[in-house]
Amino acid sequence: MRKILSIVFGLLFVLFAAFQYNDPDPEIWVPIYGFAAVACFMAYAGMARWWFLAAMSLIYVVAAIYQWPPAFEGFMFSEAGMRSMNIEMAREAGGLAICAAVMMVLAVVSRQPSARP
C-alpha cells in the first residue's frame, strides 16, 4: 500500500510543480510541491522515516493555516481566472492542505510494520 500511494502522489506532486510554470510566484510553489514529491519518492524507496513525514505534514499544516485568506470566497474551480486574491490564497492553502494530508497518510502507513517476513 505504501509503495502505491507513494508513487501515485509523488507523480501527482511532480505534475503540480509543473503546473506552476505560469504562476506569478513559481519560485515558491515549485519547491513546495517538489519537496512533497521527493518525500513521496523517499517513502517509496523506504528511506523516509514516519517522524520525518509527520514533521513535513505539520509544516504543511502550519503553512496552510498561515496562507488561509482573510475572507474565504471559495475556490472557484469552474473559472480559469481569478476573481480576487482571496480565491488565489484559498487555492494555495488547499494545495498545502493536500500536501499535509498526503504526508500524514504516508507517515501512518510507513509506521506500520511490514507484513513480509
C-alpha atoms as a PDB file:
ATOM      1  CA  MET A   1       0.000   0.000   0.000  1.00  0.00           C
ATOM      2  CA  ARG A   2       2.820   2.412   0.907  1.00  0.00           C
ATOM      3  CA  LYS A   3       4.542   1.943  -2.439  1.00  0.00           C
ATOM      4  CA  ILE A   4       1.375   2.509  -4.466  1.00  0.00           C
ATOM      5  CA  LEU A   5       0.407   5.638  -2.538  1.00  0.00           C
ATOM      6  CA  SER A   6       3.951   6.961  -2.676  1.00  0.00           C
ATOM      7  CA  ILE A   7       4.383   6.622  -6.416  1.00  0.00           C
ATOM      8  CA  VAL A   8       0.899   7.937  -7.275  1.00  0.00           C
ATOM      9  CA  PHE A   9       1.177  11.013  -5.069  1.00  0.00           C
ATOM     10  CA  GLY A  10       4.836  11.545  -5.972  1.00  0.00           C
ATOM     11  CA  LEU A  11       3.901  11.743  -9.647  1.00  0.00           C
ATOM     12  CA  LEU A  12       0.935  13.998  -8.862  1.00  0.00           C
ATOM     13  CA  PHE A  13       3.167  16.401  -6.942  1.00  0.00           C
ATOM     14  CA  VAL A  14       5.607  16.485  -9.870  1.00  0.00           C
ATOM     15  CA  LEU A  15       2.620  17.389 -12.050  1.00  0.00           C
ATOM     16  CA  PHE A  16       1.514  20.063  -9.533  1.00  0.00           C
ATOM     17  CA  ALA A  17       5.012  21.545  -9.624  1.00  0.00           C
ATOM     18  CA  ALA A  18       4.987  21.553 -13.437  1.00  0.00           C
ATOM     19  CA  PHE A  19       1.661  23.421 -13.462  1.00  0.00           C
ATOM     20  CA  GLN A  20       3.302  26.279 -11.567  1.00  0.00           C
ATOM     21  CA  TYR A  21       5.356  27.435 -14.567  1.00  0.00           C
ATOM     22  CA  ASN A  22       2.871  30.230 -15.352  1.00  0.00           C
ATOM     23  CA  ASP A  23       2.148  31.163 -11.726  1.00  0.00           C
ATOM     24  CA  PRO A  24       3.174  34.666 -10.612  1.00  0.00           C
ATOM     25  CA  ASP A  25       5.446  33.156  -7.940  1.00  0.00           C
ATOM     26  CA  PRO A  26       6.741  29.777  -9.205  1.00  0.00           C
ATOM     27  CA  GLU A  27       9.953  30.136  -7.163  1.00  0.00           C
ATOM     28  CA  ILE A  28       7.807  29.496  -4.076  1.00  0.00           C
ATOM     29  CA  TRP A  29       5.382  26.833  -5.296  1.00  0.00           C
ATOM     30  CA  VAL A  30       7.645  24.619  -7.399  1.00  0.00           C
ATOM     31  CA  PRO A  31       9.860  23.808  -4.377  1.00  0.00           C
ATOM     32  CA  ILE A  32       6.803  23.308  -2.132  1.00  0.00           C
ATOM     33  CA  TYR A  33       5.391  20.651  -4.440  1.00  0.00           C
ATOM     34  CA  GLY A  34       8.880  19.418  -5.330  1.00  0.00           C
ATOM     35  CA  PHE A  35       9.713  18.688  -1.677  1.00  0.00           C
ATOM     36  CA  ALA A  36       6.427  16.796  -1.352  1.00  0.00           C
ATOM     37  CA  ALA A  37       7.286  14.748  -4.457  1.00  0.00           C
ATOM     38  CA  VAL A  38      10.778  13.965  -3.133  1.00  0.00           C
ATOM     39  CA  ALA A  39       9.300  12.886   0.220  1.00  0.00           C
ATOM     40  CA  CYS A  40       6.886  10.575  -1.605  1.00  0.00           C
ATOM     41  CA  PHE A  41       9.699   9.015  -3.603  1.00  0.00           C
ATOM     42  CA  MET A  42      11.732   8.634  -0.406  1.00  0.00           C
ATOM     43  CA  ALA A  43       8.758   6.832   1.168  1.00  0.00           C
ATOM     44  CA  TYR A  44       8.531   4.629  -1.922  1.00  0.00           C
ATOM     45  CA  ALA A  45      12.191   3.662  -1.519  1.00  0.00           C
ATOM     46  CA  GLY A  46      11.786   3.109   2.214  1.00  0.00           C
ATOM     47  CA  MET A  47      14.169   5.969   3.012  1.00  0.00           C
ATOM     48  CA  ALA A  48      11.650   8.264   4.750  1.00  0.00           C
ATOM     49  CA  ARG A  49      11.014   7.651   8.431  1.00  0.00           C
ATOM     50  CA  TRP A  50       7.500   8.135   9.805  1.00  0.00           C
ATOM     51  CA  TRP A  51       8.569  11.028  12.015  1.00  0.00           C
ATOM     52  CA  PHE A  52      10.092  12.863   9.037  1.00  0.00           C
ATOM     53  CA  LEU A  53       6.828  12.546   7.105  1.00  0.00           C
ATOM     54  CA  ALA A  54       4.820  13.607  10.167  1.00  0.00           C
ATOM     55  CA  ALA A  55       7.067  16.654  10.601  1.00  0.00           C
ATOM     56  CA  MET A  56       6.571  17.574   6.944  1.00  0.00           C
ATOM     57  CA  SER A  57       2.829  17.222   7.442  1.00  0.00           C
ATOM     58  CA  LEU A  58       2.961  19.583  10.412  1.00  0.00           C
ATOM     59  CA  ILE A  59       4.973  22.133   8.411  1.00  0.00           C
ATOM     60  CA  TYR A  60       2.433  21.984   5.570  1.00  0.00           C
ATOM     61  CA  VAL A  61      -0.463  22.396   8.048  1.00  0.00           C
ATOM     62  CA  VAL A  62       1.147  25.473   9.582  1.00  0.00           C
ATOM     63  CA  ALA A  63       1.791  26.902   6.112  1.00  0.00           C
ATOM     64  CA  ALA A  64      -1.825  26.219   5.043  1.00  0.00           C
ATOM     65  CA  ILE A  65      -3.165  27.997   8.128  1.00  0.00           C
ATOM     66  CA  TYR A  66      -0.813  30.927   7.504  1.00  0.00           C
ATOM     67  CA  GLN A  67      -1.866  31.076   3.833  1.00  0.00           C
ATOM     68  CA  TRP A  68      -5.616  30.948   4.563  1.00  0.00           C
ATOM     69  CA  PRO A  69      -7.355  34.054   3.152  1.00  0.00           C
ATOM     70  CA  PRO A  70      -8.791  36.716   5.459  1.00  0.00           C
ATOM     71  CA  ALA A  71     -12.186  36.293   3.771  1.00  0.00           C
ATOM     72  CA  PHE A  72     -12.953  32.889   2.233  1.00  0.00           C
ATOM     73  CA  GLU A  73     -14.668  33.331  -1.153  1.00  0.00           C
ATOM     74  CA  GLY A  74     -14.354  29.749  -2.318  1.00  0.00           C
ATOM     75  CA  PHE A  75     -12.021  28.051  -4.771  1.00  0.00           C
ATOM     76  CA  MET A  76     -13.937  28.861  -7.988  1.00  0.00           C
ATOM     77  CA  PHE A  77     -12.900  25.730  -9.893  1.00  0.00           C
ATOM     78  CA  SER A  78     -15.434  26.476 -12.640  1.00  0.00           C
ATOM     79  CA  GLU A  79     -13.441  29.508 -13.789  1.00  0.00           C
ATOM     80  CA  ALA A  80      -9.871  29.547 -15.031  1.00  0.00           C
ATOM     81  CA  GLY A  81      -9.319  33.134 -13.961  1.00  0.00           C
ATOM     82  CA  MET A  82      -9.097  34.612 -10.522  1.00  0.00           C
ATOM     83  CA  ARG A  83     -11.809  36.973  -9.315  1.00  0.00           C
ATOM     84  CA  SER A  84      -9.993  38.067  -6.158  1.00  0.00           C
ATOM     85  CA  MET A  85      -6.819  37.494  -4.177  1.00  0.00           C
ATOM     86  CA  ASN A  86      -8.832  35.599  -1.548  1.00  0.00           C
ATOM     87  CA  ILE A  87      -9.640  32.899  -4.104  1.00  0.00           C
ATOM     88  CA  GLU A  88      -5.967  32.538  -5.037  1.00  0.00           C
ATOM     89  CA  MET A  89      -4.970  32.332  -1.370  1.00  0.00           C
ATOM     90  CA  ALA A  90      -7.666  29.684  -0.761  1.00  0.00           C
ATOM     91  CA  ARG A  91      -6.347  27.628  -3.679  1.00  0.00           C
ATOM     92  CA  GLU A  92      -2.808  27.878  -2.348  1.00  0.00           C
ATOM     93  CA  ALA A  93      -3.931  26.910   1.168  1.00  0.00           C
ATOM     94  CA  GLY A  94      -5.805  23.974  -0.358  1.00  0.00           C
ATOM     95  CA  GLY A  95      -2.671  22.772  -2.128  1.00  0.00           C
ATOM     96  CA  LEU A  96      -0.740  22.962   1.121  1.00  0.00           C
ATOM     97  CA  ALA A  97      -3.519  21.037   2.875  1.00  0.00           C
ATOM     98  CA  ILE A  98      -3.310  18.310   0.225  1.00  0.00           C
ATOM     99  CA  CYS A  99       0.432  18.064   0.832  1.00  0.00           C
ATOM    100  CA  ALA A 100      -0.184  17.849   4.601  1.00  0.00           C
ATOM    101  CA  ALA A 101      -2.793  15.109   4.238  1.00  0.00           C
ATOM    102  CA  VAL A 102      -0.610  13.004   1.952  1.00  0.00           C
ATOM    103  CA  MET A 103       2.419  13.340   4.238  1.00  0.00           C
ATOM    104  CA  MET A 104       0.319  12.272   7.242  1.00  0.00           C
ATOM    105  CA  VAL A 105      -1.118   9.268   5.393  1.00  0.00           C
ATOM    106  CA  LEU A 106       2.388   8.228   4.340  1.00  0.00           C
ATOM    107  CA  ALA A 107       3.625   8.689   7.927  1.00  0.00           C
ATOM    108  CA  VAL A 108       0.895   6.385   9.232  1.00  0.00           C
ATOM    109  CA  VAL A 109       1.442   3.787   6.509  1.00  0.00           C
ATOM    110  CA  SER A 110       5.233   3.942   6.966  1.00  0.00           C
ATOM    111  CA  ARG A 111       4.871   3.403  10.709  1.00  0.00           C
ATOM    112  CA  GLN A 112       3.004   0.136  10.272  1.00  0.00           C
ATOM    113  CA  PRO A 113       5.233  -2.945  10.314  1.00  0.00           C
ATOM    114  CA  SER A 114       5.669  -4.736   7.037  1.00  0.00           C
ATOM    115  CA  ALA A 115       3.622  -7.910   6.605  1.00  0.00           C
ATOM    116  CA  ARG A 116       6.503  -9.655   4.880  1.00  0.00           C
ATOM    117  CA  PRO A 117       8.867 -11.848   6.921  1.00  0.00           C
END
